[in-house]
Amino acid sequence: MEQKDQMAIIKFKIKNERKHLKELIELKEKARKEFEECLAENYSSKLTVYKSAILNVSRQYLRLSTIIEVACALDLISSIEFAKLSSEISGLVF
């Protein structure tokens, strides 16, 4: 496989993983809001859902961070793209 094909594939992968991260962040915010507004009898189940959503965001953040680090190490994305993507996903999560 040629490097330009690899670059196209990795950029597509990064785009999809970033989209998935944004979706998970939205779900986490929804779970947080439901947890904050829940009644006492629903506290435990809502807390579990919220913690699970936080874990999912964390895992996806690590996955995406690893993908862009490896892509940069393999020269599939530039160091400028790496810095931009790292900053963007950190801004989304934190």
C-alpha atoms as a PDB file:
ATOM      1  CA  MET A   1       0.000   0.000   0.000  1.00  0.00           C
ATOM      2  CA  GLU A   2       1.356   3.398  -0.940  1.00  0.00           C
ATOM      3  CA  GLN A   3       1.900   6.106   1.657  1.00  0.00           C
ATOM      4  CA  LYS A   4      -0.718   8.409   0.104  1.00  0.00           C
ATOM      5  CA  ASP A   5      -3.300   5.632   0.493  1.00  0.00           C
ATOM      6  CA  GLN A   6      -2.219   5.117   4.094  1.00  0.00           C
ATOM      7  CA  MET A   7      -2.512   8.856   4.714  1.00  0.00           C
ATOM      8  CA  ALA A   8      -6.036   8.918   3.291  1.00  0.00           C
ATOM      9  CA  ILE A   9      -7.063   5.952   5.428  1.00  0.00           C
ATOM     10  CA  ILE A  10      -5.610   7.391   8.651  1.00  0.00           C
ATOM     11  CA  LYS A  11      -7.233  10.785   8.050  1.00  0.00           C
ATOM     12  CA  PHE A  12     -10.576   9.046   7.487  1.00  0.00           C
ATOM     13  CA  LYS A  13     -10.038   7.011  10.673  1.00  0.00           C
ATOM     14  CA  ILE A  14      -9.170  10.127  12.689  1.00  0.00           C
ATOM     15  CA  LYS A  15     -12.237  11.936  11.352  1.00  0.00           C
ATOM     16  CA  ASN A  16     -14.541   9.072  12.358  1.00  0.00           C
ATOM     17  CA  GLU A  17     -12.932   8.588  15.773  1.00  0.00           C
ATOM     18  CA  ARG A  18     -13.190  12.327  16.477  1.00  0.00           C
ATOM     19  CA  LYS A  19     -16.875  12.243  15.495  1.00  0.00           C
ATOM     20  CA  HIS A  20     -17.422   9.292  17.832  1.00  0.00           C
ATOM     21  CA  LEU A  21     -15.673  11.164  20.661  1.00  0.00           C
ATOM     22  CA  LYS A  22     -18.006  14.131  20.171  1.00  0.00           C
ATOM     23  CA  GLU A  23     -21.025  11.801  20.303  1.00  0.00           C
ATOM     24  CA  LEU A  24     -19.769  10.211  23.523  1.00  0.00           C
ATOM     25  CA  ILE A  25     -19.220  13.636  25.075  1.00  0.00           C
ATOM     26  CA  GLU A  26     -22.814  14.567  24.239  1.00  0.00           C
ATOM     27  CA  LEU A  27     -24.036  11.343  25.870  1.00  0.00           C
ATOM     28  CA  LYS A  28     -21.899  12.065  28.942  1.00  0.00           C
ATOM     29  CA  GLU A  29     -23.368  15.549  29.272  1.00  0.00           C
ATOM     30  CA  LYS A  30     -26.873  14.136  28.941  1.00  0.00           C
ATOM     31  CA  ALA A  31     -26.107  11.512  31.610  1.00  0.00           C
ATOM     32  CA  ARG A  32     -24.648  14.208  33.890  1.00  0.00           C
ATOM     33  CA  LYS A  33     -27.752  16.338  33.532  1.00  0.00           C
ATOM     34  CA  GLU A  34     -30.038  13.363  34.229  1.00  0.00           C
ATOM     35  CA  PHE A  35     -27.942  12.445  37.269  1.00  0.00           C
ATOM     36  CA  GLU A  36     -28.067  15.975  38.669  1.00  0.00           C
ATOM     37  CA  GLU A  37     -31.840  16.159  38.225  1.00  0.00           C
ATOM     38  CA  CYS A  38     -32.735  12.642  39.408  1.00  0.00           C
ATOM     39  CA  LEU A  39     -34.783  11.725  42.427  1.00  0.00           C
ATOM     40  CA  ALA A  40     -33.168  10.045  45.423  1.00  0.00           C
ATOM     41  CA  GLU A  41     -34.533   6.596  44.510  1.00  0.00           C
ATOM     42  CA  ASN A  42     -32.852   6.789  41.070  1.00  0.00           C
ATOM     43  CA  TYR A  43     -29.531   8.095  42.387  1.00  0.00           C
ATOM     44  CA  SER A  44     -27.609   4.821  42.192  1.00  0.00           C
ATOM     45  CA  SER A  45     -28.670   3.864  38.671  1.00  0.00           C
ATOM     46  CA  LYS A  46     -28.132   7.385  37.290  1.00  0.00           C
ATOM     47  CA  LEU A  47     -24.701   7.560  38.930  1.00  0.00           C
ATOM     48  CA  THR A  48     -23.755   4.252  37.314  1.00  0.00           C
ATOM     49  CA  VAL A  49     -24.835   5.505  33.887  1.00  0.00           C
ATOM     50  CA  TYR A  50     -22.909   8.749  34.383  1.00  0.00           C
ATOM     51  CA  LYS A  51     -19.725   6.961  35.499  1.00  0.00           C
ATOM     52  CA  SER A  52     -19.998   4.625  32.526  1.00  0.00           C
ATOM     53  CA  ALA A  53     -20.328   7.593  30.170  1.00  0.00           C
ATOM     54  CA  ILE A  54     -17.233   9.207  31.705  1.00  0.00           C
ATOM     55  CA  LEU A  55     -15.291   5.973  31.229  1.00  0.00           C
ATOM     56  CA  ASN A  56     -16.398   5.724  27.592  1.00  0.00           C
ATOM     57  CA  VAL A  57     -15.203   9.274  26.880  1.00  0.00           C
ATOM     58  CA  SER A  58     -11.890   8.561  28.580  1.00  0.00           C
ATOM     59  CA  ARG A  59     -11.324   5.385  26.570  1.00  0.00           C
ATOM     60  CA  GLN A  60     -12.190   7.075  23.294  1.00  0.00           C
ATOM     61  CA  TYR A  61      -9.885   9.991  24.126  1.00  0.00           C
ATOM     62  CA  LEU A  62      -7.014   7.572  24.766  1.00  0.00           C
ATOM     63  CA  ARG A  63      -7.807   5.657  21.582  1.00  0.00           C
ATOM     64  CA  LEU A  64      -7.835   8.794  19.444  1.00  0.00           C
ATOM     65  CA  SER A  65      -4.697  10.166  21.114  1.00  0.00           C
ATOM     66  CA  THR A  66      -2.873   6.924  20.372  1.00  0.00           C
ATOM     67  CA  ILE A  67      -4.021   6.910  16.757  1.00  0.00           C
ATOM     68  CA  ILE A  68      -2.735  10.418  16.106  1.00  0.00           C
ATOM     69  CA  GLU A  69       0.546   9.739  17.952  1.00  0.00           C
ATOM     70  CA  VAL A  70       1.210   6.640  15.853  1.00  0.00           C
ATOM     71  CA  ALA A  71       0.161   8.438  12.673  1.00  0.00           C
ATOM     72  CA  CYS A  72       2.642  11.213  13.426  1.00  0.00           C
ATOM     73  CA  ALA A  73       5.400   8.729  14.280  1.00  0.00           C
ATOM     74  CA  LEU A  74       4.804   6.978  10.932  1.00  0.00           C
ATOM     75  CA  ASP A  75       4.800  10.337   9.096  1.00  0.00           C
ATOM     76  CA  LEU A  76       1.182   9.873   8.013  1.00  0.00           C
ATOM     77  CA  ILE A  77       0.283  13.247   9.516  1.00  0.00           C
ATOM     78  CA  SER A  78       2.541  16.231  10.069  1.00  0.00           C
ATOM     79  CA  SER A  79       3.661  17.448  13.466  1.00  0.00           C
ATOM     80  CA  ILE A  80       1.517  20.550  12.885  1.00  0.00           C
ATOM     81  CA  GLU A  81      -1.561  18.382  12.282  1.00  0.00           C
ATOM     82  CA  PHE A  82      -0.640  16.340  15.347  1.00  0.00           C
ATOM     83  CA  ALA A  83      -0.451  19.445  17.543  1.00  0.00           C
ATOM     84  CA  LYS A  84      -3.725  20.789  16.150  1.00  0.00           C
ATOM     85  CA  LEU A  85      -5.565  17.489  16.638  1.00  0.00           C
ATOM     86  CA  SER A  86      -4.123  16.977  20.128  1.00  0.00           C
ATOM     87  CA  SER A  87      -5.213  20.439  21.155  1.00  0.00           C
ATOM     88  CA  GLU A  88      -8.670  19.963  19.651  1.00  0.00           C
ATOM     89  CA  ILE A  89      -9.440  16.663  21.343  1.00  0.00           C
ATOM     90  CA  SER A  90      -8.020  17.868  24.652  1.00  0.00           C
ATOM     91  CA  GLY A  91     -10.277  20.901  24.395  1.00  0.00           C
ATOM     92  CA  LEU A  92     -13.281  18.675  23.785  1.00  0.00           C
ATOM     93  CA  VAL A  93     -12.617  16.390  26.731  1.00  0.00           C
ATOM     94  CA  PHE A  94     -11.218  18.753  29.370  1.00  0.00           C
END
